[in-house]
Amino acid sequence: SLLDESTHRFQTNHGSYRIGFSPDGKMLAAPYKMKSATGIWCWDTSTWDRIRDYAVDVRSSTRGLAYSKDGGFVFLGRHRGSIVLVDTRTGKILFETPVQRSRVTDIAISPDDRILAAAHQDGSLIYWQVRDAWTSDPSNAIDLPMTSIAAHDGAANSVRFVNRNQIATCGEDGCLRIWTVADGAACHRLSDRSLTTHCQFGPANDEVILTTVSDIQRYSAASR
């Protein structure tokens, strides 16, 4: 079978809504929320020892996680409707986007670190340009204004970049939609009657995997 018995189990005592590997695969990060603090746990993937524990914020749980290309920074989507930029070496918050009216459900950053996107509970997709050479001045990373799209009827549950020029979202309306970054226009649509919870593209972008409340579905680029 694909999955054997569990080889590692990490005791957190508190749920994690998102996890993510660093770009080099050497670290696994999992945001957590406790009564007194919200933070990030990090594990070394060669030993699976927990190597970092950052108490990041006390205001809101985390519903999305995206690393910068070099792994030095991580963007966290906040349940309260904003995105924060965190230094992975210190755990310090360097920047926070303006709070939106709806909760963040997922976030993603483009392969070149130049577009930051967020899916929201009200069905919207919001994305920003990220400034050139922003890692040298992360406190001034996001280039406003933002682009906002009414992407789904019901919550938008997942957002992923197909490539630098296209963003994919899926939502409670059972649709996967792909949007053009330049003008926010919808260029592809895949409809399913099931509530879709997550989308992920293959390494060559020639297939897409959708998770729903009842199953996992794989589509080729030709059928998309």
C-alpha atoms as a PDB file:
ATOM      1  CA  SER A   1       0.000   0.000   0.000  1.00  0.00           C
ATOM      2  CA  LEU A   2       1.014   3.610  -0.436  1.00  0.00           C
ATOM      3  CA  LEU A   3       0.968   4.323   3.299  1.00  0.00           C
ATOM      4  CA  ASP A   4       2.400   1.933   5.856  1.00  0.00           C
ATOM      5  CA  GLU A   5       2.151   2.246   9.611  1.00  0.00           C
ATOM      6  CA  SER A   6       3.072   5.631  11.058  1.00  0.00           C
ATOM      7  CA  THR A   7       6.862   5.998  11.413  1.00  0.00           C
ATOM      8  CA  HIS A   8       6.795   9.247  13.376  1.00  0.00           C
ATOM      9  CA  ARG A   9       4.188  10.849  15.559  1.00  0.00           C
ATOM     10  CA  PHE A  10       4.779  14.344  16.880  1.00  0.00           C
ATOM     11  CA  GLN A  11       3.095  15.285  20.125  1.00  0.00           C
ATOM     12  CA  THR A  12       1.766  18.817  19.753  1.00  0.00           C
ATOM     13  CA  ASN A  13      -1.241  18.835  22.123  1.00  0.00           C
ATOM     14  CA  HIS A  14      -2.771  21.415  19.789  1.00  0.00           C
ATOM     15  CA  GLY A  15      -3.965  21.054  16.202  1.00  0.00           C
ATOM     16  CA  SER A  16      -2.067  22.297  13.133  1.00  0.00           C
ATOM     17  CA  TYR A  17      -4.146  23.419  10.153  1.00  0.00           C
ATOM     18  CA  ARG A  18      -1.231  23.604   7.695  1.00  0.00           C
ATOM     19  CA  ILE A  19       2.258  22.162   7.392  1.00  0.00           C
ATOM     20  CA  GLY A  20       5.048  22.912   4.931  1.00  0.00           C
ATOM     21  CA  PHE A  21       8.547  21.802   3.974  1.00  0.00           C
ATOM     22  CA  SER A  22      11.302  24.353   3.507  1.00  0.00           C
ATOM     23  CA  PRO A  23      12.454  24.658  -0.137  1.00  0.00           C
ATOM     24  CA  ASP A  24      15.539  22.508   0.525  1.00  0.00           C
ATOM     25  CA  GLY A  25      13.444  19.869   2.297  1.00  0.00           C
ATOM     26  CA  LYS A  26      15.562  20.039   5.450  1.00  0.00           C
ATOM     27  CA  MET A  27      12.866  21.420   7.730  1.00  0.00           C
ATOM     28  CA  LEU A  28       9.159  20.816   8.308  1.00  0.00           C
ATOM     29  CA  ALA A  29       7.153  23.688   9.786  1.00  0.00           C
ATOM     30  CA  ALA A  30       3.762  23.477  11.493  1.00  0.00           C
ATOM     31  CA  PRO A  31       1.934  26.504  12.880  1.00  0.00           C
ATOM     32  CA  TYR A  32       0.096  25.974  16.174  1.00  0.00           C
ATOM     33  CA  LYS A  33      -2.336  27.843  18.379  1.00  0.00           C
ATOM     34  CA  MET A  34      -2.611  27.629  22.153  1.00  0.00           C
ATOM     35  CA  LYS A  35      -4.670  29.692  24.571  1.00  0.00           C
ATOM     36  CA  SER A  36      -1.770  32.012  25.322  1.00  0.00           C
ATOM     37  CA  ALA A  37       0.116  32.143  22.018  1.00  0.00           C
ATOM     38  CA  THR A  38       0.289  31.266  18.356  1.00  0.00           C
ATOM     39  CA  GLY A  39       3.575  30.068  16.915  1.00  0.00           C
ATOM     40  CA  ILE A  40       5.524  27.749  14.650  1.00  0.00           C
ATOM     41  CA  TRP A  41       7.202  24.452  15.428  1.00  0.00           C
ATOM     42  CA  CYS A  42      10.025  23.284  13.141  1.00  0.00           C
ATOM     43  CA  TRP A  43      11.551  19.810  12.816  1.00  0.00           C
ATOM     44  CA  ASP A  44      14.854  18.726  11.272  1.00  0.00           C
ATOM     45  CA  THR A  45      13.812  16.189   8.600  1.00  0.00           C
ATOM     46  CA  SER A  46      17.067  14.225   8.886  1.00  0.00           C
ATOM     47  CA  THR A  47      16.492  13.395  12.562  1.00  0.00           C
ATOM     48  CA  TRP A  48      12.873  14.549  13.119  1.00  0.00           C
ATOM     49  CA  ASP A  49      14.014  16.384  16.228  1.00  0.00           C
ATOM     50  CA  ARG A  50      12.136  19.597  16.938  1.00  0.00           C
ATOM     51  CA  ILE A  51      14.700  22.341  16.469  1.00  0.00           C
ATOM     52  CA  ARG A  52      12.707  25.568  16.687  1.00  0.00           C
ATOM     53  CA  ASP A  53       9.668  26.856  18.561  1.00  0.00           C
ATOM     54  CA  TYR A  54       8.631  30.410  17.786  1.00  0.00           C
ATOM     55  CA  ALA A  55       5.851  32.140  19.681  1.00  0.00           C
ATOM     56  CA  VAL A  56       4.789  34.385  16.811  1.00  0.00           C
ATOM     57  CA  ASP A  57       1.501  36.010  17.774  1.00  0.00           C
ATOM     58  CA  VAL A  58      -1.310  35.908  20.314  1.00  0.00           C
ATOM     59  CA  ARG A  59      -4.142  37.222  18.175  1.00  0.00           C
ATOM     60  CA  SER A  60      -5.111  34.550  15.676  1.00  0.00           C
ATOM     61  CA  SER A  61      -4.559  30.988  14.494  1.00  0.00           C
ATOM     62  CA  THR A  62      -2.722  30.241  11.245  1.00  0.00           C
ATOM     63  CA  ARG A  63      -4.525  28.898   8.164  1.00  0.00           C
ATOM     64  CA  GLY A  64      -1.814  28.975   5.510  1.00  0.00           C
ATOM     65  CA  LEU A  65       1.954  28.761   5.146  1.00  0.00           C
ATOM     66  CA  ALA A  66       4.317  29.605   2.260  1.00  0.00           C
ATOM     67  CA  TYR A  67       8.130  29.724   2.257  1.00  0.00           C
ATOM     68  CA  SER A  68      10.275  32.153   0.301  1.00  0.00           C
ATOM     69  CA  LYS A  69      12.569  30.531  -2.285  1.00  0.00           C
ATOM     70  CA  ASP A  70      15.624  30.694  -0.039  1.00  0.00           C
ATOM     71  CA  GLY A  71      13.768  29.398   3.024  1.00  0.00           C
ATOM     72  CA  GLY A  72      14.775  32.446   5.067  1.00  0.00           C
ATOM     73  CA  PHE A  73      11.216  33.737   5.395  1.00  0.00           C
ATOM     74  CA  VAL A  74       7.760  32.270   5.728  1.00  0.00           C
ATOM     75  CA  PHE A  75       4.390  33.891   5.067  1.00  0.00           C
ATOM     76  CA  LEU A  76       1.570  32.882   7.425  1.00  0.00           C
ATOM     77  CA  GLY A  77      -2.121  33.370   6.656  1.00  0.00           C
ATOM     78  CA  ARG A  78      -4.016  34.504   9.727  1.00  0.00           C
ATOM     79  CA  HIS A  79      -7.523  33.485  10.684  1.00  0.00           C
ATOM     80  CA  ARG A  80      -8.194  37.147  11.461  1.00  0.00           C
ATOM     81  CA  GLY A  81      -7.810  38.109   7.780  1.00  0.00           C
ATOM     82  CA  SER A  82      -4.187  39.185   7.315  1.00  0.00           C
ATOM     83  CA  ILE A  83      -0.850  37.702   6.252  1.00  0.00           C
ATOM     84  CA  VAL A  84       2.336  38.085   8.276  1.00  0.00           C
ATOM     85  CA  LEU A  85       5.925  37.669   7.129  1.00  0.00           C
ATOM     86  CA  VAL A  86       8.167  35.861   9.632  1.00  0.00           C
ATOM     87  CA  ASP A  87      11.956  35.500   9.720  1.00  0.00           C
ATOM     88  CA  THR A  88      12.545  31.736  10.026  1.00  0.00           C
ATOM     89  CA  ARG A  89      15.818  32.276  11.870  1.00  0.00           C
ATOM     90  CA  THR A  90      14.421  34.447  14.665  1.00  0.00           C
ATOM     91  CA  GLY A  91      10.637  34.008  14.573  1.00  0.00           C
ATOM     92  CA  LYS A  92      10.230  37.778  14.397  1.00  0.00           C
ATOM     93  CA  ILE A  93       7.234  39.237  12.523  1.00  0.00           C
ATOM     94  CA  LEU A  94       8.591  41.624   9.895  1.00  0.00           C
ATOM     95  CA  PHE A  95       5.452  42.697   8.050  1.00  0.00           C
ATOM     96  CA  GLU A  96       1.674  42.304   8.136  1.00  0.00           C
ATOM     97  CA  THR A  97      -0.804  43.018   5.358  1.00  0.00           C
ATOM     98  CA  PRO A  98      -3.921  45.062   6.122  1.00  0.00           C
ATOM     99  CA  VAL A  99      -6.661  42.986   7.785  1.00  0.00           C
ATOM    100  CA  GLN A 100      -9.396  41.972   5.337  1.00  0.00           C
ATOM    101  CA  ARG A 101     -13.073  41.533   6.129  1.00  0.00           C
ATOM    102  CA  SER A 102     -12.927  37.751   5.729  1.00  0.00           C
ATOM    103  CA  ARG A 103     -10.735  35.056   7.263  1.00  0.00           C
ATOM    104  CA  VAL A 104      -7.743  33.701   5.349  1.00  0.00           C
ATOM    105  CA  THR A 105      -8.131  29.996   4.503  1.00  0.00           C
ATOM    106  CA  ASP A 106      -4.912  29.389   2.517  1.00  0.00           C
ATOM    107  CA  ILE A 107      -1.970  31.273   0.982  1.00  0.00           C
ATOM    108  CA  ALA A 108       0.659  30.709  -1.727  1.00  0.00           C
ATOM    109  CA  ILE A 109       3.623  32.545  -3.208  1.00  0.00           C
ATOM    110  CA  SER A 110       4.678  32.380  -6.846  1.00  0.00           C
ATOM    111  CA  PRO A 111       7.773  30.382  -7.887  1.00  0.00           C
ATOM    112  CA  ASP A 112       9.770  33.605  -8.352  1.00  0.00           C
ATOM    113  CA  ASP A 113       8.691  35.111  -4.980  1.00  0.00           C
ATOM    114  CA  ARG A 114       6.987  38.022  -6.758  1.00  0.00           C
ATOM    115  CA  ILE A 115       3.244  37.386  -6.220  1.00  0.00           C
ATOM    116  CA  LEU A 116       1.594  36.589  -2.873  1.00  0.00           C
ATOM    117  CA  ALA A 117      -1.943  35.164  -2.994  1.00  0.00           C
ATOM    118  CA  ALA A 118      -4.583  34.417  -0.351  1.00  0.00           C
ATOM    119  CA  ALA A 119      -7.864  32.509  -0.434  1.00  0.00           C
ATOM    120  CA  HIS A 120     -10.599  33.773   1.892  1.00  0.00           C
ATOM    121  CA  GLN A 121     -13.643  32.351   3.620  1.00  0.00           C
ATOM    122  CA  ASP A 122     -15.982  34.724   1.764  1.00  0.00           C
ATOM    123  CA  GLY A 123     -14.906  33.144  -1.566  1.00  0.00           C
ATOM    124  CA  SER A 124     -12.466  35.870  -2.588  1.00  0.00           C
ATOM    125  CA  LEU A 125      -8.975  35.548  -4.016  1.00  0.00           C
ATOM    126  CA  ILE A 126      -6.633  38.421  -3.120  1.00  0.00           C
ATOM    127  CA  TYR A 127      -3.106  38.845  -4.417  1.00  0.00           C
ATOM    128  CA  TRP A 128      -0.304  41.388  -4.197  1.00  0.00           C
ATOM    129  CA  GLN A 129       2.853  42.187  -6.093  1.00  0.00           C
ATOM    130  CA  VAL A 130       5.976  41.584  -3.983  1.00  0.00           C
ATOM    131  CA  ARG A 131       8.689  44.197  -4.414  1.00  0.00           C
ATOM    132  CA  ASP A 132      12.016  43.530  -6.145  1.00  0.00           C
ATOM    133  CA  ALA A 133      14.806  42.424  -3.800  1.00  0.00           C
ATOM    134  CA  TRP A 134      12.314  42.379  -0.921  1.00  0.00           C
ATOM    135  CA  THR A 135      14.435  39.978   1.158  1.00  0.00           C
ATOM    136  CA  SER A 136      16.920  42.815   1.762  1.00  0.00           C
ATOM    137  CA  ASP A 137      14.109  44.969   3.225  1.00  0.00           C
ATOM    138  CA  PRO A 138      11.336  42.564   4.282  1.00  0.00           C
ATOM    139  CA  SER A 139       9.489  45.222   6.278  1.00  0.00           C
ATOM    140  CA  ASN A 140       8.571  46.780   2.925  1.00  0.00           C
ATOM    141  CA  ALA A 141       7.877  43.561   1.003  1.00  0.00           C
ATOM    142  CA  ILE A 142       4.324  43.976  -0.255  1.00  0.00           C
ATOM    143  CA  ASP A 143       3.516  46.361  -3.067  1.00  0.00           C
ATOM    144  CA  LEU A 144      -0.016  47.690  -2.633  1.00  0.00           C
ATOM    145  CA  PRO A 145      -2.668  48.040  -4.004  1.00  0.00           C
ATOM    146  CA  MET A 146      -3.966  44.526  -4.128  1.00  0.00           C
ATOM    147  CA  THR A 147      -6.102  42.661  -6.677  1.00  0.00           C
ATOM    148  CA  SER A 148      -9.332  41.138  -5.342  1.00  0.00           C
ATOM    149  CA  ILE A 149     -11.507  38.621  -7.225  1.00  0.00           C
ATOM    150  CA  ALA A 150     -14.855  37.085  -6.276  1.00  0.00           C
ATOM    151  CA  ALA A 151     -13.573  33.572  -6.986  1.00  0.00           C
ATOM    152  CA  HIS A 152     -16.182  31.195  -5.513  1.00  0.00           C
ATOM    153  CA  ASP A 153     -19.724  30.922  -4.231  1.00  0.00           C
ATOM    154  CA  GLY A 154     -18.953  29.963  -0.633  1.00  0.00           C
ATOM    155  CA  ALA A 155     -15.489  29.694   0.869  1.00  0.00           C
ATOM    156  CA  ALA A 156     -12.347  29.517  -1.243  1.00  0.00           C
ATOM    157  CA  ASN A 157     -10.521  26.660   0.469  1.00  0.00           C
ATOM    158  CA  SER A 158      -7.199  26.438  -1.355  1.00  0.00           C
ATOM    159  CA  VAL A 159      -4.909  28.549  -3.541  1.00  0.00           C
ATOM    160  CA  ARG A 160      -1.886  27.413  -5.592  1.00  0.00           C
ATOM    161  CA  PHE A 161       0.250  28.845  -8.364  1.00  0.00           C
ATOM    162  CA  VAL A 162       0.146  26.927 -11.635  1.00  0.00           C
ATOM    163  CA  ASN A 163       3.074  29.081 -12.778  1.00  0.00           C
ATOM    164  CA  ARG A 164       4.205  32.705 -12.467  1.00  0.00           C
ATOM    165  CA  ASN A 165       1.253  33.903 -14.552  1.00  0.00           C
ATOM    166  CA  GLN A 166      -1.637  31.751 -13.313  1.00  0.00           C
ATOM    167  CA  ILE A 167      -3.263  31.127  -9.914  1.00  0.00           C
ATOM    168  CA  ALA A 168      -5.609  28.225  -9.132  1.00  0.00           C
ATOM    169  CA  THR A 169      -8.301  28.184  -6.452  1.00  0.00           C
ATOM    170  CA  CYS A 170     -10.851  25.612  -5.345  1.00  0.00           C
ATOM    171  CA  GLY A 171     -13.834  26.066  -3.073  1.00  0.00           C
ATOM    172  CA  GLU A 172     -17.057  24.997  -1.455  1.00  0.00           C
ATOM    173  CA  ASP A 173     -18.924  25.429  -4.733  1.00  0.00           C
ATOM    174  CA  GLY A 174     -17.134  22.344  -6.104  1.00  0.00           C
ATOM    175  CA  CYS A 175     -15.103  24.290  -8.676  1.00  0.00           C
ATOM    176  CA  LEU A 176     -11.442  24.552  -9.513  1.00  0.00           C
ATOM    177  CA  ARG A 177     -10.750  27.837 -11.280  1.00  0.00           C
ATOM    178  CA  ILE A 178      -7.533  29.166 -12.807  1.00  0.00           C
ATOM    179  CA  TRP A 179      -6.976  32.916 -12.979  1.00  0.00           C
ATOM    180  CA  THR A 180      -4.602  35.027 -15.052  1.00  0.00           C
ATOM    181  CA  VAL A 181      -2.428  37.173 -12.768  1.00  0.00           C
ATOM    182  CA  ALA A 182      -2.130  40.087 -15.198  1.00  0.00           C
ATOM    183  CA  ASP A 183      -5.853  40.879 -15.424  1.00  0.00           C
ATOM    184  CA  GLY A 184      -7.593  38.606 -12.902  1.00  0.00           C
ATOM    185  CA  ALA A 185      -9.584  36.886 -15.641  1.00  0.00           C
ATOM    186  CA  ALA A 186     -10.739  33.276 -15.315  1.00  0.00           C
ATOM    187  CA  CYS A 187      -9.049  31.135 -17.981  1.00  0.00           C
ATOM    188  CA  HIS A 188     -10.006  27.585 -16.915  1.00  0.00           C
ATOM    189  CA  ARG A 189     -12.823  26.027 -14.897  1.00  0.00           C
ATOM    190  CA  LEU A 190     -13.336  22.490 -13.648  1.00  0.00           C
ATOM    191  CA  SER A 191     -16.610  21.710 -11.899  1.00  0.00           C
ATOM    192  CA  ASP A 192     -17.425  18.885  -9.518  1.00  0.00           C
ATOM    193  CA  ARG A 193     -20.466  18.461  -7.331  1.00  0.00           C
ATOM    194  CA  SER A 194     -18.339  17.748  -4.247  1.00  0.00           C
ATOM    195  CA  LEU A 195     -16.992  20.414  -1.925  1.00  0.00           C
ATOM    196  CA  THR A 196     -13.317  20.766  -2.881  1.00  0.00           C
ATOM    197  CA  THR A 197     -10.913  21.304  -0.004  1.00  0.00           C
ATOM    198  CA  HIS A 198      -7.453  21.470  -1.589  1.00  0.00           C
ATOM    199  CA  CYS A 199      -5.703  21.584  -4.968  1.00  0.00           C
ATOM    200  CA  GLN A 200      -2.122  20.735  -5.874  1.00  0.00           C
ATOM    201  CA  PHE A 201      -0.341  20.695  -9.229  1.00  0.00           C
ATOM    202  CA  GLY A 202       2.235  18.112 -10.257  1.00  0.00           C
ATOM    203  CA  PRO A 203       5.917  19.111 -10.653  1.00  0.00           C
ATOM    204  CA  ALA A 204       5.552  19.546 -14.418  1.00  0.00           C
ATOM    205  CA  ASN A 205       2.131  21.229 -14.092  1.00  0.00           C
ATOM    206  CA  ASP A 206       0.706  18.488 -16.320  1.00  0.00           C
ATOM    207  CA  GLU A 207      -1.736  17.206 -13.715  1.00  0.00           C
ATOM    208  CA  VAL A 208      -3.791  18.532 -10.844  1.00  0.00           C
ATOM    209  CA  ILE A 209      -4.870  16.713  -7.673  1.00  0.00           C
ATOM    210  CA  LEU A 210      -8.093  17.734  -5.948  1.00  0.00           C
ATOM    211  CA  THR A 211      -9.193  16.638  -2.504  1.00  0.00           C
ATOM    212  CA  THR A 212     -12.904  16.694  -1.686  1.00  0.00           C
ATOM    213  CA  VAL A 213     -14.980  15.798   1.339  1.00  0.00           C
ATOM    214  CA  SER A 214     -15.295  12.244   0.000  1.00  0.00           C
ATOM    215  CA  ASP A 215     -12.284  11.423  -2.191  1.00  0.00           C
ATOM    216  CA  ILE A 216      -9.087  12.490  -3.978  1.00  0.00           C
ATOM    217  CA  GLN A 217      -9.252  13.145  -7.712  1.00  0.00           C
ATOM    218  CA  ARG A 218      -6.468  13.379 -10.313  1.00  0.00           C
ATOM    219  CA  TYR A 219      -6.877  15.181 -13.621  1.00  0.00           C
ATOM    220  CA  SER A 220      -4.476  15.453 -16.552  1.00  0.00           C
ATOM    221  CA  ALA A 221      -3.778  18.800 -18.167  1.00  0.00           C
ATOM    222  CA  ALA A 222      -5.751  17.700 -21.218  1.00  0.00           C
ATOM    223  CA  SER A 223      -8.893  17.061 -19.151  1.00  0.00           C
ATOM    224  CA  ARG A 224      -8.473  20.229 -17.108  1.00  0.00           C
END
